[in-house]
Amino acid sequence: MRPPVSARRNAFARIASLLAIGLAAAGCARPAAVSPAGAPPARSVLLFPLNVVVPMPTGLESGAASVSEALHAYLEAHASRVETLDPAAARAAWLAAAQELKAELGETQMSFDGAARVLARTLHRERRFDALVLPWLVLRPAKVHGRTVTWDGVTRTLRVVGGDQRTHFLLADFEAQAAAPSLQVAVFAADGGKLSEAVGGLDLIHLMLIVGDPPQIDAQVLPSSQILADHANVSEGIALALDPFLAKPQP
């Protein structure tokens, strides 16, 4: 027997609320298109540590290391040389670039792209690179239908714990707006010119929990060891975020 409509709506509201934590902090870039096969490699890349330029969303910290490793490996497979910066040095360089831009233009005229252009030109005085890669993890808007979650070029399936055949109707009716983690990447040339900015969906950080009689549907955060730990899903998101840059012909 189906629970009353009001009960189903309340259940949907609870899971939508939990899944949407951090939605207000989601990034604004559009999903990236996958590049054509055989795109020419970048010659030399300077890779910034994750989330130096944008604060790390709460709840994603435990998965940052695995994303960083996969990102570095992906770039090494597509570029002739990949150099990285120590996190402390990267934060100092980013702060100095923002301060320089503020002194030049004033606080009201400051922008992310403006600070990144200053950063690229400043770093290039002491380091050799063709492209500066600025990556960050972000929570982005996602559409949930049943167990299926779609955002930023990817589709993932929510894991369900509890329930039985009688509770499948709960999932069939379920629709919500949620927040899911993505990798966003902005790339700048050594002279400060912007080469690309794109985003790719990574992996889910919640599962569905069905308990009680009548059944109630809820959301539960995955254990920290499972956050962004699926290598295949993380690699797909990295490719979506980087391929528009890597597909560009090199000068």
C-alpha atoms as a PDB file:
ATOM      1  CA  MET A   1       0.000   0.000   0.000  1.00  0.00           C
ATOM      2  CA  ARG A   2       1.404   3.386  -0.968  1.00  0.00           C
ATOM      3  CA  PRO A   3       1.992   5.908   1.838  1.00  0.00           C
ATOM      4  CA  PRO A   4      -0.116   9.097   1.650  1.00  0.00           C
ATOM      5  CA  VAL A   5       1.009  11.700  -0.869  1.00  0.00           C
ATOM      6  CA  SER A   6       1.942  14.059   1.957  1.00  0.00           C
ATOM      7  CA  ALA A   7       4.231  11.420   3.478  1.00  0.00           C
ATOM      8  CA  ARG A   8       5.983  10.838   0.140  1.00  0.00           C
ATOM      9  CA  ARG A   9       6.455  14.590  -0.329  1.00  0.00           C
ATOM     10  CA  ASN A  10       7.941  14.929   3.151  1.00  0.00           C
ATOM     11  CA  ALA A  11      10.348  12.084   2.424  1.00  0.00           C
ATOM     12  CA  PHE A  12      11.383  13.667  -0.854  1.00  0.00           C
ATOM     13  CA  ALA A  13      11.900  17.009   0.870  1.00  0.00           C
ATOM     14  CA  ARG A  14      14.217  15.455   3.473  1.00  0.00           C
ATOM     15  CA  ILE A  15      16.509  13.788   0.961  1.00  0.00           C
ATOM     16  CA  ALA A  16      16.478  16.813  -1.335  1.00  0.00           C
ATOM     17  CA  SER A  17      17.521  18.993   1.591  1.00  0.00           C
ATOM     18  CA  LEU A  18      20.385  16.697   2.547  1.00  0.00           C
ATOM     19  CA  LEU A  19      21.602  16.250  -0.998  1.00  0.00           C
ATOM     20  CA  ALA A  20      21.498  19.991  -1.620  1.00  0.00           C
ATOM     21  CA  ILE A  21      23.947  20.908   1.149  1.00  0.00           C
ATOM     22  CA  GLY A  22      26.429  23.365  -0.329  1.00  0.00           C
ATOM     23  CA  LEU A  23      24.363  24.051  -3.447  1.00  0.00           C
ATOM     24  CA  ALA A  24      24.735  27.793  -2.974  1.00  0.00           C
ATOM     25  CA  ALA A  25      28.515  27.414  -3.318  1.00  0.00           C
ATOM     26  CA  ALA A  26      28.293  25.571  -6.641  1.00  0.00           C
ATOM     27  CA  GLY A  27      30.405  26.871  -9.544  1.00  0.00           C
ATOM     28  CA  CYS A  28      29.020  28.507 -12.649  1.00  0.00           C
ATOM     29  CA  ALA A  29      30.976  27.112 -15.588  1.00  0.00           C
ATOM     30  CA  ARG A  30      29.147  25.067 -18.212  1.00  0.00           C
ATOM     31  CA  PRO A  31      29.911  21.373 -18.697  1.00  0.00           C
ATOM     32  CA  ALA A  32      32.785  20.779 -21.070  1.00  0.00           C
ATOM     33  CA  ALA A  33      32.524  18.903 -24.333  1.00  0.00           C
ATOM     34  CA  VAL A  34      34.842  15.940 -24.781  1.00  0.00           C
ATOM     35  CA  SER A  35      37.672  16.705 -27.172  1.00  0.00           C
ATOM     36  CA  PRO A  36      38.153  14.812 -30.423  1.00  0.00           C
ATOM     37  CA  ALA A  37      40.523  11.863 -30.470  1.00  0.00           C
ATOM     38  CA  GLY A  38      44.125  12.559 -31.351  1.00  0.00           C
ATOM     39  CA  ALA A  39      44.226  16.110 -29.972  1.00  0.00           C
ATOM     40  CA  PRO A  40      47.759  17.539 -29.856  1.00  0.00           C
ATOM     41  CA  PRO A  41      49.423  17.487 -26.422  1.00  0.00           C
ATOM     42  CA  ALA A  42      50.301  20.585 -24.449  1.00  0.00           C
ATOM     43  CA  ARG A  43      54.049  21.074 -24.273  1.00  0.00           C
ATOM     44  CA  SER A  44      54.656  22.237 -20.713  1.00  0.00           C
ATOM     45  CA  VAL A  45      52.179  22.689 -17.860  1.00  0.00           C
ATOM     46  CA  LEU A  46      52.425  24.292 -14.416  1.00  0.00           C
ATOM     47  CA  LEU A  47      49.772  22.650 -12.235  1.00  0.00           C
ATOM     48  CA  PHE A  48      48.463  24.477  -9.161  1.00  0.00           C
ATOM     49  CA  PRO A  49      47.367  22.427  -6.112  1.00  0.00           C
ATOM     50  CA  LEU A  50      43.623  21.834  -5.738  1.00  0.00           C
ATOM     51  CA  ASN A  51      41.487  24.619  -4.268  1.00  0.00           C
ATOM     52  CA  VAL A  52      44.161  27.229  -3.738  1.00  0.00           C
ATOM     53  CA  VAL A  53      42.101  29.732  -5.746  1.00  0.00           C
ATOM     54  CA  VAL A  54      38.671  28.647  -4.392  1.00  0.00           C
ATOM     55  CA  PRO A  55      37.887  27.338  -0.861  1.00  0.00           C
ATOM     56  CA  MET A  56      37.443  23.559  -0.548  1.00  0.00           C
ATOM     57  CA  PRO A  57      33.762  22.596  -0.096  1.00  0.00           C
ATOM     58  CA  THR A  58      33.052  21.007   3.269  1.00  0.00           C
ATOM     59  CA  GLY A  59      32.878  17.228   3.000  1.00  0.00           C
ATOM     60  CA  LEU A  60      35.227  16.804   0.046  1.00  0.00           C
ATOM     61  CA  GLU A  61      38.514  17.109   1.914  1.00  0.00           C
ATOM     62  CA  SER A  62      39.056  13.365   2.268  1.00  0.00           C
ATOM     63  CA  GLY A  63      38.804  12.849  -1.501  1.00  0.00           C
ATOM     64  CA  ALA A  64      41.097  15.683  -2.540  1.00  0.00           C
ATOM     65  CA  ALA A  65      44.301  13.635  -2.534  1.00  0.00           C
ATOM     66  CA  SER A  66      42.931  10.981  -4.903  1.00  0.00           C
ATOM     67  CA  VAL A  67      41.639  13.641  -7.294  1.00  0.00           C
ATOM     68  CA  SER A  68      44.995  15.449  -7.212  1.00  0.00           C
ATOM     69  CA  GLU A  69      46.884  12.262  -8.045  1.00  0.00           C
ATOM     70  CA  ALA A  70      44.528  11.393 -10.906  1.00  0.00           C
ATOM     71  CA  LEU A  71      44.688  14.943 -12.267  1.00  0.00           C
ATOM     72  CA  HIS A  72      48.486  14.941 -12.258  1.00  0.00           C
ATOM     73  CA  ALA A  73      48.576  11.527 -13.963  1.00  0.00           C
ATOM     74  CA  TYR A  74      46.104  12.653 -16.641  1.00  0.00           C
ATOM     75  CA  LEU A  75      48.166  15.735 -17.463  1.00  0.00           C
ATOM     76  CA  GLU A  76      51.385  13.712 -17.553  1.00  0.00           C
ATOM     77  CA  ALA A  77      49.778  11.441 -20.143  1.00  0.00           C
ATOM     78  CA  HIS A  78      48.888  14.419 -22.356  1.00  0.00           C
ATOM     79  CA  ALA A  79      51.724  16.917 -21.830  1.00  0.00           C
ATOM     80  CA  SER A  80      55.459  16.725 -22.360  1.00  0.00           C
ATOM     81  CA  ARG A  81      56.239  18.168 -18.919  1.00  0.00           C
ATOM     82  CA  VAL A  82      54.167  18.773 -15.771  1.00  0.00           C
ATOM     83  CA  GLU A  83      55.526  20.882 -12.927  1.00  0.00           C
ATOM     84  CA  THR A  84      53.738  21.488  -9.626  1.00  0.00           C
ATOM     85  CA  LEU A  85      53.952  24.070  -6.869  1.00  0.00           C
ATOM     86  CA  ASP A  86      54.124  23.490  -3.137  1.00  0.00           C
ATOM     87  CA  PRO A  87      50.719  24.418  -1.600  1.00  0.00           C
ATOM     88  CA  ALA A  88      52.219  27.109   0.644  1.00  0.00           C
ATOM     89  CA  ALA A  89      54.112  28.696  -2.269  1.00  0.00           C
ATOM     90  CA  ALA A  90      50.997  28.499  -4.451  1.00  0.00           C
ATOM     91  CA  ARG A  91      48.829  30.230  -1.828  1.00  0.00           C
ATOM     92  CA  ALA A  92      51.418  32.968  -1.385  1.00  0.00           C
ATOM     93  CA  ALA A  93      51.654  33.510  -5.146  1.00  0.00           C
ATOM     94  CA  TRP A  94      47.863  33.674  -5.525  1.00  0.00           C
ATOM     95  CA  LEU A  95      47.525  36.154  -2.658  1.00  0.00           C
ATOM     96  CA  ALA A  96      50.301  38.323  -4.100  1.00  0.00           C
ATOM     97  CA  ALA A  97      48.624  38.325  -7.532  1.00  0.00           C
ATOM     98  CA  ALA A  98      45.303  39.398  -6.007  1.00  0.00           C
ATOM     99  CA  GLN A  99      47.000  42.169  -4.039  1.00  0.00           C
ATOM    100  CA  GLU A 100      48.821  43.394  -7.144  1.00  0.00           C
ATOM    101  CA  LEU A 101      45.576  43.481  -9.112  1.00  0.00           C
ATOM    102  CA  LYS A 102      43.811  45.342  -6.301  1.00  0.00           C
ATOM    103  CA  ALA A 103      46.589  47.945  -6.179  1.00  0.00           C
ATOM    104  CA  GLU A 104      46.380  48.397  -9.956  1.00  0.00           C
ATOM    105  CA  LEU A 105      42.614  48.459 -10.522  1.00  0.00           C
ATOM    106  CA  GLY A 106      40.968  48.903  -7.128  1.00  0.00           C
ATOM    107  CA  GLU A 107      38.846  46.414  -5.220  1.00  0.00           C
ATOM    108  CA  THR A 108      35.661  46.998  -7.239  1.00  0.00           C
ATOM    109  CA  GLN A 109      37.381  46.026 -10.509  1.00  0.00           C
ATOM    110  CA  MET A 110      38.979  42.828  -9.236  1.00  0.00           C
ATOM    111  CA  SER A 111      38.056  39.505 -10.830  1.00  0.00           C
ATOM    112  CA  PHE A 112      39.166  35.895 -10.809  1.00  0.00           C
ATOM    113  CA  ASP A 113      40.399  36.077 -14.406  1.00  0.00           C
ATOM    114  CA  GLY A 114      42.280  39.290 -13.706  1.00  0.00           C
ATOM    115  CA  ALA A 115      44.118  37.807 -10.729  1.00  0.00           C
ATOM    116  CA  ALA A 116      44.868  34.626 -12.697  1.00  0.00           C
ATOM    117  CA  ARG A 117      46.370  36.662 -15.553  1.00  0.00           C
ATOM    118  CA  VAL A 118      48.658  38.479 -13.114  1.00  0.00           C
ATOM    119  CA  LEU A 119      49.558  35.158 -11.510  1.00  0.00           C
ATOM    120  CA  ALA A 120      50.509  33.531 -14.818  1.00  0.00           C
ATOM    121  CA  ARG A 121      52.692  36.447 -15.919  1.00  0.00           C
ATOM    122  CA  THR A 122      54.409  36.633 -12.514  1.00  0.00           C
ATOM    123  CA  LEU A 123      55.138  32.909 -12.303  1.00  0.00           C
ATOM    124  CA  HIS A 124      56.486  32.855 -15.844  1.00  0.00           C
ATOM    125  CA  ARG A 125      59.275  35.229 -14.871  1.00  0.00           C
ATOM    126  CA  GLU A 126      60.911  32.423 -12.901  1.00  0.00           C
ATOM    127  CA  ARG A 127      59.419  29.224 -14.400  1.00  0.00           C
ATOM    128  CA  ARG A 128      59.109  27.844 -17.899  1.00  0.00           C
ATOM    129  CA  PHE A 129      55.624  26.706 -18.891  1.00  0.00           C
ATOM    130  CA  ASP A 130      53.124  27.048 -21.719  1.00  0.00           C
ATOM    131  CA  ALA A 131      50.007  26.806 -19.586  1.00  0.00           C
ATOM    132  CA  LEU A 132      49.069  27.427 -15.949  1.00  0.00           C
ATOM    133  CA  VAL A 133      46.359  24.991 -14.787  1.00  0.00           C
ATOM    134  CA  LEU A 134      44.192  26.161 -11.875  1.00  0.00           C
ATOM    135  CA  PRO A 135      41.926  23.339 -10.577  1.00  0.00           C
ATOM    136  CA  TRP A 136      39.361  23.258  -7.818  1.00  0.00           C
ATOM    137  CA  LEU A 137      36.689  20.965  -6.437  1.00  0.00           C
ATOM    138  CA  VAL A 138      33.206  22.472  -6.270  1.00  0.00           C
ATOM    139  CA  LEU A 139      29.659  21.393  -5.429  1.00  0.00           C
ATOM    140  CA  ARG A 140      27.459  21.883  -8.485  1.00  0.00           C
ATOM    141  CA  PRO A 141      23.721  21.679  -9.253  1.00  0.00           C
ATOM    142  CA  ALA A 142      22.528  18.180 -10.154  1.00  0.00           C
ATOM    143  CA  LYS A 143      19.186  16.702 -11.221  1.00  0.00           C
ATOM    144  CA  VAL A 144      17.942  13.606  -9.398  1.00  0.00           C
ATOM    145  CA  HIS A 145      15.315  11.289 -10.901  1.00  0.00           C
ATOM    146  CA  GLY A 146      14.786   8.056  -9.036  1.00  0.00           C
ATOM    147  CA  ARG A 147      18.269   6.741  -8.386  1.00  0.00           C
ATOM    148  CA  THR A 148      19.797   8.586 -11.353  1.00  0.00           C
ATOM    149  CA  VAL A 149      21.790  11.796 -10.805  1.00  0.00           C
ATOM    150  CA  THR A 150      22.898  13.914 -13.779  1.00  0.00           C
ATOM    151  CA  TRP A 151      25.246  16.909 -13.736  1.00  0.00           C
ATOM    152  CA  ASP A 152      28.174  18.457 -15.618  1.00  0.00           C
ATOM    153  CA  GLY A 153      28.339  15.901 -18.410  1.00  0.00           C
ATOM    154  CA  VAL A 154      28.033  12.738 -16.286  1.00  0.00           C
ATOM    155  CA  THR A 155      25.316  10.396 -15.006  1.00  0.00           C
ATOM    156  CA  ARG A 156      25.706   8.438 -11.777  1.00  0.00           C
ATOM    157  CA  THR A 157      23.454   5.972  -9.897  1.00  0.00           C
ATOM    158  CA  LEU A 158      22.700   6.416  -6.219  1.00  0.00           C
ATOM    159  CA  ARG A 159      23.353   3.371  -4.078  1.00  0.00           C
ATOM    160  CA  VAL A 160      20.296   2.264  -2.067  1.00  0.00           C
ATOM    161  CA  VAL A 161      20.502   0.747   1.404  1.00  0.00           C
ATOM    162  CA  GLY A 162      17.425  -0.878   2.919  1.00  0.00           C
ATOM    163  CA  GLY A 163      13.951  -1.309   1.507  1.00  0.00           C
ATOM    164  CA  ASP A 164      12.596  -4.095  -0.688  1.00  0.00           C
ATOM    165  CA  GLN A 165      10.457  -4.558  -3.778  1.00  0.00           C
ATOM    166  CA  ARG A 166       7.549  -2.784  -2.080  1.00  0.00           C
ATOM    167  CA  THR A 167       9.532   0.455  -1.756  1.00  0.00           C
ATOM    168  CA  HIS A 168      10.537   0.829  -5.399  1.00  0.00           C
ATOM    169  CA  PHE A 169       7.597   3.164  -5.989  1.00  0.00           C
ATOM    170  CA  LEU A 170       9.296   5.689  -3.711  1.00  0.00           C
ATOM    171  CA  LEU A 171      12.225   5.916  -6.105  1.00  0.00           C
ATOM    172  CA  ALA A 172      10.047   5.954  -9.221  1.00  0.00           C
ATOM    173  CA  ASP A 173       8.344   9.161  -8.067  1.00  0.00           C
ATOM    174  CA  PHE A 174      11.408  10.870  -6.676  1.00  0.00           C
ATOM    175  CA  GLU A 175      12.717  14.040  -8.345  1.00  0.00           C
ATOM    176  CA  ALA A 176      14.914  16.708  -6.773  1.00  0.00           C
ATOM    177  CA  GLN A 177      17.592  19.314  -7.274  1.00  0.00           C
ATOM    178  CA  ALA A 178      20.789  18.357  -5.484  1.00  0.00           C
ATOM    179  CA  ALA A 179      24.480  19.215  -5.243  1.00  0.00           C
ATOM    180  CA  ALA A 180      27.261  16.946  -6.456  1.00  0.00           C
ATOM    181  CA  PRO A 181      31.050  17.347  -6.669  1.00  0.00           C
ATOM    182  CA  SER A 182      32.778  18.399  -9.874  1.00  0.00           C
ATOM    183  CA  LEU A 183      36.266  19.384 -10.932  1.00  0.00           C
ATOM    184  CA  GLN A 184      36.468  22.874 -12.387  1.00  0.00           C
ATOM    185  CA  VAL A 185      39.617  23.928 -14.238  1.00  0.00           C
ATOM    186  CA  ALA A 186      40.750  27.289 -15.614  1.00  0.00           C
ATOM    187  CA  VAL A 187      43.828  27.365 -17.845  1.00  0.00           C
ATOM    188  CA  PHE A 188      45.910  30.440 -18.658  1.00  0.00           C
ATOM    189  CA  ALA A 189      48.817  30.948 -21.030  1.00  0.00           C
ATOM    190  CA  ALA A 190      52.180  32.197 -19.770  1.00  0.00           C
ATOM    191  CA  ASP A 191      51.350  35.699 -21.034  1.00  0.00           C
ATOM    192  CA  GLY A 192      48.096  35.714 -19.049  1.00  0.00           C
ATOM    193  CA  GLY A 193      45.711  34.906 -21.876  1.00  0.00           C
ATOM    194  CA  LYS A 194      42.849  32.603 -20.916  1.00  0.00           C
ATOM    195  CA  LEU A 195      42.973  29.305 -22.794  1.00  0.00           C
ATOM    196  CA  SER A 196      39.935  27.503 -21.385  1.00  0.00           C
ATOM    197  CA  GLU A 197      37.619  26.988 -18.436  1.00  0.00           C
ATOM    198  CA  ALA A 198      35.491  23.880 -18.070  1.00  0.00           C
ATOM    199  CA  VAL A 199      33.968  21.534 -15.532  1.00  0.00           C
ATOM    200  CA  GLY A 200      33.378  17.791 -15.248  1.00  0.00           C
ATOM    201  CA  GLY A 201      31.207  15.857 -12.822  1.00  0.00           C
ATOM    202  CA  LEU A 202      33.059  13.449 -10.533  1.00  0.00           C
ATOM    203  CA  ASP A 203      31.169  11.078  -8.223  1.00  0.00           C
ATOM    204  CA  LEU A 204      28.326  11.028  -5.712  1.00  0.00           C
ATOM    205  CA  ILE A 205      28.985  11.553  -2.011  1.00  0.00           C
ATOM    206  CA  HIS A 206      25.591  10.318  -0.727  1.00  0.00           C
ATOM    207  CA  LEU A 207      23.599   7.107  -0.783  1.00  0.00           C
ATOM    208  CA  MET A 208      19.845   6.583  -0.375  1.00  0.00           C
ATOM    209  CA  LEU A 209      18.629   5.057   2.871  1.00  0.00           C
ATOM    210  CA  ILE A 210      15.173   3.442   3.148  1.00  0.00           C
ATOM    211  CA  VAL A 211      13.985   2.519   6.634  1.00  0.00           C
ATOM    212  CA  GLY A 212      10.815   1.930   8.620  1.00  0.00           C
ATOM    213  CA  ASP A 213       7.280   0.734   7.968  1.00  0.00           C
ATOM    214  CA  PRO A 214       5.739   2.589   6.260  1.00  0.00           C
ATOM    215  CA  PRO A 215       9.052   3.143   4.489  1.00  0.00           C
ATOM    216  CA  GLN A 216      10.867   6.437   4.811  1.00  0.00           C
ATOM    217  CA  ILE A 217      13.494   7.611   2.318  1.00  0.00           C
ATOM    218  CA  ASP A 218      16.513   9.613   3.426  1.00  0.00           C
ATOM    219  CA  ALA A 219      20.088  10.447   2.407  1.00  0.00           C
ATOM    220  CA  GLN A 220      23.327   9.420   4.062  1.00  0.00           C
ATOM    221  CA  VAL A 221      26.836  10.727   3.459  1.00  0.00           C
ATOM    222  CA  LEU A 222      29.323   8.082   2.360  1.00  0.00           C
ATOM    223  CA  PRO A 223      32.221   7.195   4.688  1.00  0.00           C
ATOM    224  CA  SER A 224      35.180   9.528   4.202  1.00  0.00           C
ATOM    225  CA  SER A 225      37.259   6.681   2.741  1.00  0.00           C
ATOM    226  CA  GLN A 226      34.745   6.372  -0.119  1.00  0.00           C
ATOM    227  CA  ILE A 227      34.523  10.084  -1.016  1.00  0.00           C
ATOM    228  CA  LEU A 228      35.786  10.523  -4.606  1.00  0.00           C
ATOM    229  CA  ALA A 229      37.478   7.121  -4.429  1.00  0.00           C
ATOM    230  CA  ASP A 230      36.043   5.672  -7.671  1.00  0.00           C
ATOM    231  CA  HIS A 231      38.955   6.058 -10.093  1.00  0.00           C
ATOM    232  CA  ALA A 232      36.889   5.553 -13.251  1.00  0.00           C
ATOM    233  CA  ASN A 233      34.333   8.217 -12.307  1.00  0.00           C
ATOM    234  CA  VAL A 234      36.995  10.679 -11.188  1.00  0.00           C
ATOM    235  CA  SER A 235      38.971  10.135 -14.402  1.00  0.00           C
ATOM    236  CA  GLU A 236      35.880  10.805 -16.513  1.00  0.00           C
ATOM    237  CA  GLY A 237      35.314  14.126 -14.761  1.00  0.00           C
ATOM    238  CA  ILE A 238      38.964  15.121 -15.163  1.00  0.00           C
ATOM    239  CA  ALA A 239      38.804  14.398 -18.894  1.00  0.00           C
ATOM    240  CA  LEU A 240      35.677  16.547 -19.272  1.00  0.00           C
ATOM    241  CA  ALA A 241      37.319  19.446 -17.427  1.00  0.00           C
ATOM    242  CA  LEU A 242      40.655  19.296 -19.293  1.00  0.00           C
ATOM    243  CA  ASP A 243      39.879  18.093 -22.797  1.00  0.00           C
ATOM    244  CA  PRO A 244      38.733  21.503 -24.142  1.00  0.00           C
ATOM    245  CA  PHE A 245      42.199  22.835 -23.265  1.00  0.00           C
ATOM    246  CA  LEU A 246      44.125  19.803 -24.455  1.00  0.00           C
ATOM    247  CA  ALA A 247      42.235  19.803 -27.761  1.00  0.00           C
ATOM    248  CA  LYS A 248      43.458  23.302 -28.612  1.00  0.00           C
ATOM    249  CA  PRO A 249      46.262  23.442 -31.193  1.00  0.00           C
ATOM    250  CA  GLN A 250      49.509  24.531 -29.579  1.00  0.00           C
ATOM    251  CA  PRO A 251      51.278  27.628 -30.966  1.00  0.00           C
END
